Amino acid sequence: MNAASFELWSWAHTGIKHLESQNVLGLKWDTETDELYCVHPEADMGISDTISKRKLLSIVNSIYDPIGFTSPATLLPKLLLQEAWRNKLNWDEELPPDMQKRYQRWAKHFDLIESCRIPRKLFYGSFKKATLHIFTDASAHGYPRIVRMTAWILRFCRNIRVNSDKLTKELSYEEIQRAEEALIRLIQSERPSDIREKYTQTIQFYEENKILKVRSRLILGEDPEDFVRPTALPDHPIVRRLIDYIHQKLYHAGVQTTLSHLRERFWIPRGRRVVREVLKRFSSSEIFEDVPAIVKSAPDTSSSAKQCSTSNDQSFQSEDLPKEQEETLKKTRLGRQIVPPKRLDL
């Protein structure tokens, strides 16, 4: 580093006891435990004051978390801000009482954000155990709600059996997957003619776990199984909920992006038309569709404007150029000659 003229003024490393936490790119680094954590913002959380949309936006932006490991703890004020926008509240208007209570309940425990820590060090070599943390979508509306409700119904049917173990904890990944498969079988059974009768001569179908799938031409490729053999889905209200869910998950992407994401797992007949209808129907996309503004041309008030006219013989009349031509040739500073323009008879 000396050869490259990198002059270091101070050092900080692990192993030093009773050393204050160091600042690292906006985060705090605890050198004793070798962990990174977010700093509690110094902004007034307004626990005892009234909260407006302006105050809520200021609190949300005061939390600096470039990595995003505190997202579950900071999700509630963002949802409240989104709800305030949907209710069309003014910037300085007081939030409704129910939103005030939800925010105050969250703000009382917000100082615990510094206890959310992650190890700084990277793994090198081989390690024996790894943990993957995933925050799944828990939306209370649309397609995810239908899947979770189906999973709870299937769990209830399982628990009422005499010889089965009772399941009382959260829904597992296997239960969510079985619920989605049950919904797909329900959709295909309600509208079987929309797929089999119309596309049997052009598309090869086969069944797997009583689910109708498409055998594509990408069998020899290294693509995922769902992409090589997508599930066939007819036009159905639940399928339209799925399209709207994917559309919102992609931050209101266009028709082509939404359809491409769907085709990674599903094959929908006339999919482009169905996706376009869903995107036009739901209000979440109306903000992106508007009539182009028409700009009116300003009136020409210049007295020196040229009068141009055209006739049937496509003749053009303009101000006459000077008839006299300069006989002397002008030169530039570099010695190049400038020839004056000749009169054009139009």
Foldseek 3Di string as FASTA:
>chain_A
DVVVVDDDDDDDAADDPPDAWDDDPQWTADRDQQKIFHDDFPDDLQLPHFDFLQNLVVNLVRTDDPPCLCCVLSVLSVVLNVVCVVVVGDRPDTDDPVSSVVSSVSVVCVNCRRVRIDHDDDDDDDDDDDDDDDDDDPDCDFLVVQLVVLLVVVLVVQQPDDPHDRDDDDDDPVSSVVSVVVVQLVQCVVPVCQPCVPCVVPWDWDDDPNFIWTQAPCPVPPADPQLRIATEGEDDPNVLSVLVVLCVVVVNDDLVVSLVVNNSHYDYVVSSVSSVVSLVPDPVNVVVDDDDDDDDDDDDPDPPDWDWDADPVRDIDTDWDDQDADPDWDADPVGDTDGDDHTDDD
